[in-house]
């Protein structure tokens, strides 16, 4: 039987077991020496410096993973902080807007109470606008208080500027007011400059008040301030109504017509005063209007110059 023979090209050294044992002894001796003395510190430093580049190369994948992870976390953190700041900015903007609105309403209510204390002798009710009905032919305001709170048809509505309108319809929990510029409203007024008594009507021109049926030679001029005269007992005297803006005289008919800008601003505010003046039990929404309109031609003809 043929035997396989390994050719020996080089001289053989000591056995592997002997080499391993020697290396283990050397390692143990180095560990013991390093643990008890500082003799090997220079050698440790040299080896550390030599191995550092290899350590960095080996750690590159880990560092790359950490870098990507940190970047992703930073991006997510920045996004969340941006969203939080945006939410806080919106909330602060809403709070600021609400505070400004409350401050404006508070100032307006103070002015209303000041007007009430100075001019009006009757008790009053503070009301808030619920909504304004959309209607191209008249101007109305729906208020949040009604007959349950003592409001009745015919009662005047005012703000710090003057007369806003008149209550025309009432329910137990709400009421409806016709604005001064509505054509169903008419108010007995007088000129503050000379005391000339007139009647102011709602106009077909948006945002204006008309004065009709007075003599063409009546002493009325542009810029005259109209206030309530108190005639009829519905509107207390002295409340501002508007300022004359234009006067049109017709010598052929003998009458004149004037147009005025209201002193009140119902489109700007939410709170008004309803004056609890004595009104009759008639539920007709235009009781004072009907009374004054039935006397317009005769009264206008008798106006003093």
Protein backbone atom coordinates (compact mmCIF):
# COMPACT_ATOMS: atom_id res chain seq x y z
CA UNK A 1 0.00 0.00 0.00
CA UNK A 2 1.43 3.33 -1.08
CA UNK A 3 1.88 5.99 1.64
CA UNK A 4 1.49 9.72 1.09
CA UNK A 5 4.64 11.52 2.01
CA UNK A 6 4.69 15.31 2.59
CA UNK A 7 7.72 16.94 1.16
CA UNK A 8 9.59 19.07 3.69
CA UNK A 9 10.69 22.16 1.81
CA UNK A 10 11.62 24.16 4.93
CA UNK A 11 13.11 23.30 8.21
CA UNK A 12 10.42 22.75 10.83
CA UNK A 13 10.35 24.89 13.99
CA UNK A 14 9.03 24.07 17.42
CA UNK A 15 5.58 22.59 17.66
CA UNK A 16 2.56 24.88 17.62
CA UNK A 17 1.58 23.88 21.13
CA UNK A 18 4.91 25.05 22.47
CA UNK A 19 4.61 28.33 20.59
CA UNK A 20 1.10 28.90 21.99
CA UNK A 21 2.23 28.17 25.52
CA UNK A 22 5.15 30.58 25.21
CA UNK A 23 2.91 33.34 23.84
CA UNK A 24 0.38 32.79 26.62
CA UNK A 25 3.12 33.11 29.22
CA UNK A 26 4.38 36.30 27.59
CA UNK A 27 0.85 37.73 27.51
CA UNK A 28 0.30 36.93 31.16
CA UNK A 29 3.63 38.48 32.08
CA UNK A 30 2.74 41.65 30.13
CA UNK A 31 -0.69 41.83 31.80
CA UNK A 32 0.84 41.41 35.24
CA UNK A 33 3.52 44.01 34.49
CA UNK A 34 1.04 46.49 33.02
CA UNK A 35 -1.30 46.11 35.99
CA UNK A 36 1.36 46.74 38.61
CA UNK A 37 3.93 49.03 37.01
CA UNK A 38 3.98 51.81 34.41
CA UNK A 39 6.92 50.40 32.54
CA UNK A 40 4.89 49.60 29.42
CA UNK A 41 3.17 53.05 29.12
CA UNK A 42 5.52 54.32 26.37
CA UNK A 43 4.98 51.14 24.41
CA UNK A 44 1.19 51.44 24.96
CA UNK A 45 1.20 55.01 23.64
CA UNK A 46 3.23 54.07 20.56
CA UNK A 47 0.90 51.18 19.80
CA UNK A 48 -2.17 53.38 20.36
CA UNK A 49 -0.87 56.03 17.96
CA UNK A 50 -0.15 53.38 15.36
CA UNK A 51 -3.55 51.76 15.70
CA UNK A 52 -5.59 55.00 15.74
CA UNK A 53 -5.94 55.33 11.93
CA UNK A 54 -7.11 51.75 11.70
CA UNK A 55 -9.57 52.34 14.53
CA UNK A 56 -11.04 55.32 12.72
CA UNK A 57 -11.39 53.36 9.49
CA UNK A 58 -13.12 50.54 11.30
CA UNK A 59 -15.48 52.96 13.09
CA UNK A 60 -16.45 54.87 9.92
CA UNK A 61 -19.65 52.85 9.26
CA UNK A 62 -20.78 53.31 12.87
CA UNK A 63 -20.05 57.06 12.75
CA UNK A 64 -21.92 57.36 9.46
CA UNK A 65 -24.96 55.63 10.98
CA UNK A 66 -24.80 57.87 14.05
CA UNK A 67 -24.48 60.96 11.86
CA UNK A 68 -27.52 60.05 9.78
CA UNK A 69 -29.49 59.22 12.93
CA UNK A 70 -28.53 62.49 14.61
CA UNK A 71 -29.39 64.48 11.48
CA UNK A 72 -32.79 62.80 11.24
CA UNK A 73 -33.48 63.45 14.93
CA UNK A 74 -32.37 67.07 14.58
CA UNK A 75 -34.59 67.54 11.51
CA UNK A 76 -37.58 65.99 13.32
CA UNK A 77 -36.90 68.14 16.40
CA UNK A 78 -36.66 71.32 14.31
CA UNK A 79 -39.88 70.43 12.51
CA UNK A 80 -41.75 69.76 15.75
CA UNK A 81 -40.43 72.97 17.32
CA UNK A 82 -41.41 74.93 14.22
CA UNK A 83 -44.91 73.49 14.33
CA UNK A 84 -45.18 74.25 18.04
CA UNK A 85 -43.99 77.82 17.52
CA UNK A 86 -46.47 78.23 14.67
CA UNK A 87 -49.28 76.95 16.88
CA UNK A 88 -48.25 79.27 19.71
CA UNK A 89 -48.01 82.19 17.29
CA UNK A 90 -51.54 81.53 16.03
CA UNK A 91 -52.87 81.15 19.58
CA UNK A 92 -51.14 84.34 20.70
CA UNK A 93 -52.49 86.14 17.65
CA UNK A 94 -56.00 84.98 18.53
CA UNK A 95 -55.55 86.00 22.16
CA UNK A 96 -54.22 89.39 21.08
CA UNK A 97 -57.09 89.88 18.65
CA UNK A 98 -59.62 88.85 21.32
CA UNK A 99 -58.01 91.20 23.86
CA UNK A 100 -58.12 94.08 21.38
CA UNK A 101 -61.76 93.31 20.59
CA UNK A 102 -62.69 93.16 24.27
CA UNK A 103 -60.84 96.41 24.93
CA UNK A 104 -62.67 98.11 22.07
CA UNK A 105 -66.03 96.80 23.26
CA UNK A 106 -65.26 97.85 26.82
CA UNK A 107 -64.35 101.36 25.65
CA UNK A 108 -67.51 101.53 23.56
CA UNK A 109 -69.66 100.41 26.50
CA UNK A 110 -68.03 103.06 28.68
CA UNK A 111 -68.83 105.70 26.08
CA UNK A 112 -72.41 104.40 25.88
CA UNK A 113 -72.86 104.68 29.62
CA UNK A 114 -71.32 108.15 29.50
CA UNK A 115 -73.86 109.24 26.87
CA UNK A 116 -76.63 107.72 28.92
CA UNK A 117 -75.56 109.52 32.10
CA UNK A 118 -75.21 112.89 30.36
CA UNK A 119 -78.25 113.03 28.11
CA UNK A 120 -80.86 110.42 28.78
CA UNK A 121 -83.22 110.55 31.73
CA UNK A 122 -84.97 107.25 30.95
CA UNK A 123 -83.66 103.82 31.99
CA UNK A 124 -81.86 101.90 29.28
CA UNK A 125 -80.97 98.32 28.38
CA UNK A 126 -77.64 97.30 26.93
CA UNK A 127 -78.17 95.01 23.92
CA UNK A 128 -75.87 93.12 21.59
CA UNK A 129 -76.31 92.55 17.86
CA UNK A 130 -76.98 88.91 17.04
CA UNK A 131 -76.92 89.37 13.28
CA UNK A 132 -77.88 91.76 10.50
CA UNK A 133 -80.45 90.34 8.06
CA UNK A 134 -79.29 90.46 4.47
CA UNK A 135 -81.76 92.71 2.69
CA UNK A 136 -81.01 95.14 -0.13
CA UNK A 137 -84.08 97.29 0.58
CA UNK A 138 -83.83 98.01 4.30
CA UNK A 139 -81.39 98.08 7.19
CA UNK A 140 -82.27 96.00 10.23
CA UNK A 141 -80.46 94.73 13.32
CA UNK A 142 -81.54 91.68 15.32
CA UNK A 143 -80.73 92.19 19.02
CA UNK A 144 -80.26 89.63 21.77
CA UNK A 145 -82.96 90.93 24.16
CA UNK A 146 -86.73 91.19 23.81
CA UNK A 147 -89.96 91.72 25.69
CA UNK A 148 -88.75 89.53 28.55
CA UNK A 149 -86.15 92.22 29.29
CA UNK A 150 -88.59 95.13 28.97
CA UNK A 151 -88.09 96.06 25.31
CA UNK A 152 -91.17 97.18 23.35
CA UNK A 153 -91.79 98.33 19.77
CA UNK A 154 -91.08 102.00 19.21
CA UNK A 155 -88.23 102.30 21.72
CA UNK A 156 -85.16 104.21 20.42
CA UNK A 157 -81.76 102.58 19.97
CA UNK A 158 -78.67 104.75 20.47
CA UNK A 159 -74.89 104.53 20.58
CA UNK A 160 -72.26 107.06 21.66
CA UNK A 161 -72.69 108.89 18.36
CA UNK A 162 -76.42 109.39 18.68
CA UNK A 163 -79.61 107.77 17.40
CA UNK A 164 -79.07 104.36 15.76
CA UNK A 165 -82.67 103.44 15.00
CA UNK A 166 -85.93 102.25 16.50
CA UNK A 167 -87.32 98.93 17.69
CA UNK A 168 -89.97 97.71 15.24
CA UNK A 169 -90.56 94.06 16.24
CA UNK A 170 -90.17 92.21 19.54
CA UNK A 171 -90.19 88.58 20.60
CA UNK A 172 -89.72 87.31 24.17
CA UNK A 173 -86.01 86.61 23.65
CA UNK A 174 -84.98 88.99 20.84
CA UNK A 175 -85.95 92.16 19.04
CA UNK A 176 -85.51 93.75 15.64
CA UNK A 177 -84.52 97.37 15.12
CA UNK A 178 -84.77 99.46 11.98
CA UNK A 179 -81.64 101.53 11.48
CA UNK A 180 -81.92 105.29 11.18
CA UNK A 181 -81.29 105.12 7.43
CA UNK A 182 -84.16 102.64 6.89
CA UNK A 183 -87.10 104.19 5.04
CA UNK A 184 -89.64 103.09 7.68
CA UNK A 185 -88.03 105.31 10.33
CA UNK A 186 -88.85 108.98 10.80
CA UNK A 187 -87.63 111.14 13.67
CA UNK A 188 -88.67 114.65 14.74
CA UNK A 189 -85.49 116.72 14.82
CA UNK A 190 -84.36 120.30 15.10
CA UNK A 191 -81.29 122.17 14.01
CA UNK A 192 -78.92 122.82 16.86
CA UNK A 193 -77.86 126.15 15.33
CA UNK A 194 -81.26 127.87 15.21
CA UNK A 195 -83.81 125.42 16.66
CA UNK A 196 -85.65 124.86 13.36
CA UNK A 197 -87.90 121.80 13.77
CA UNK A 198 -87.91 119.25 10.96
CA UNK A 199 -88.57 115.56 10.34
CA UNK A 200 -85.74 113.21 9.34
CA UNK A 201 -86.53 110.14 7.26
CA UNK A 202 -84.56 107.14 6.15
CA UNK A 203 -83.19 107.62 2.66
CA UNK A 204 -83.07 105.51 -0.46
CA UNK A 205 -79.42 106.50 -0.66
CA UNK A 206 -77.39 104.00 1.40
CA UNK A 207 -76.04 105.46 4.62
CA UNK A 208 -77.91 108.76 4.37
CA UNK A 209 -80.85 110.49 6.10
CA UNK A 210 -83.29 112.82 4.33
CA UNK A 211 -85.07 115.91 5.58
CA UNK A 212 -88.19 116.63 3.52
CA UNK A 213 -91.24 118.90 3.38
CA UNK A 214 -89.75 122.12 4.63
CA UNK A 215 -90.01 125.55 3.05
CA UNK A 216 -87.53 126.39 0.32
CA UNK A 217 -86.49 129.54 2.16
CA UNK A 218 -85.98 127.79 5.51
CA UNK A 219 -82.74 128.61 7.31
CA UNK A 220 -80.92 125.34 6.86
CA UNK A 221 -77.30 125.14 5.76
CA UNK A 222 -74.67 122.57 4.96
CA UNK A 223 -72.92 121.48 8.14
CA UNK A 224 -75.89 122.07 10.48
CA UNK A 225 -76.18 119.46 13.24
CA UNK A 226 -79.57 117.82 13.74
CA UNK A 227 -80.64 116.60 17.17
CA UNK A 228 -83.87 115.06 18.38
CA UNK A 229 -86.45 117.68 19.30
CA UNK A 230 -88.41 115.55 21.77
CA UNK A 231 -91.68 116.18 19.93
CA UNK A 232 -93.93 113.15 20.23
CA UNK A 233 -92.26 111.85 23.39
CA UNK A 234 -90.61 108.84 21.77
CA UNK A 235 -87.10 110.16 21.20
CA UNK A 236 -85.69 112.16 24.13
CA UNK A 237 -84.53 115.67 23.14
CA UNK A 238 -80.91 116.44 22.46
CA UNK A 239 -79.72 113.15 20.92
CA UNK A 240 -77.50 113.71 17.85
CA UNK A 241 -79.09 112.48 14.63
CA UNK A 242 -76.87 113.67 11.78
CA UNK A 243 -75.17 116.55 10.02
CA UNK A 244 -76.57 118.25 6.92
CA UNK A 245 -74.47 117.41 3.90
CA UNK A 246 -76.47 118.81 0.98
CA UNK A 247 -79.50 121.09 0.56
CA UNK A 248 -81.62 121.10 -2.60
CA UNK A 249 -84.16 123.93 -2.93
CA UNK A 250 -87.02 123.86 -5.46
CA UNK A 251 -88.48 127.33 -5.95
CA UNK A 252 -91.18 125.98 -8.24
CA UNK A 253 -92.76 123.72 -5.61
CA UNK A 254 -91.84 125.93 -2.68
CA UNK A 255 -90.28 123.05 -0.78
CA UNK A 256 -86.73 121.92 -0.24
CA UNK A 257 -84.96 118.67 0.52
CA UNK A 258 -81.76 118.07 2.47
CA UNK A 259 -79.53 115.06 2.87
CA UNK A 260 -77.59 114.34 6.05
CA UNK A 261 -74.94 111.91 7.27
CA UNK A 262 -75.94 110.05 10.46
CA UNK A 263 -73.94 110.69 13.61
CA UNK A 264 -74.22 107.08 14.77
CA UNK A 265 -72.23 104.14 13.44
CA UNK A 266 -74.31 100.95 13.72
CA UNK A 267 -71.97 99.09 11.38
CA UNK A 268 -68.97 99.54 13.68
CA UNK A 269 -70.18 98.25 17.05
CA UNK A 270 -71.95 95.27 18.57
CA UNK A 271 -73.45 96.89 21.67
CA UNK A 272 -76.11 99.59 21.85
CA UNK A 273 -78.56 101.09 24.32
CA UNK A 274 -82.32 100.70 24.04
CA UNK A 275 -84.06 103.56 25.84
CA UNK A 276 -87.10 102.41 27.81
CA UNK A 277 -89.29 105.35 26.94
CA UNK A 278 -93.07 105.13 27.48
CA UNK A 279 -94.72 103.74 24.34
CA UNK A 280 -98.38 102.97 23.68
CA UNK A 281 -99.68 99.42 23.47
CA UNK A 282 -100.05 99.46 19.70
CA UNK A 283 -97.85 96.72 18.19
CA UNK A 284 -97.55 98.48 14.84
CA UNK A 285 -93.82 98.66 14.12
CA UNK A 286 -94.09 102.16 12.66
CA UNK A 287 -96.51 103.84 15.08
CA UNK A 288 -94.48 107.06 15.48
CA UNK A 289 -93.64 107.05 11.78
CA UNK A 290 -97.28 106.87 10.76
CA UNK A 291 -98.21 109.66 13.14
CA UNK A 292 -95.54 112.02 11.84
CA UNK A 293 -95.97 111.16 8.17
CA UNK A 294 -99.68 111.91 8.35
CA UNK A 295 -98.81 115.43 9.47
CA UNK A 296 -95.79 116.03 7.23
CA UNK A 297 -97.27 118.41 4.58
CA UNK A 298 -99.15 120.58 7.10
CA UNK A 299 -96.26 120.65 9.58
CA UNK A 300 -93.71 121.39 6.90
CA UNK A 301 -95.74 124.25 5.58
CA UNK A 302 -95.83 125.78 9.04
CA UNK A 303 -92.09 125.55 9.73
CA UNK A 304 -90.62 128.88 10.81
CA UNK A 305 -88.06 130.44 8.57
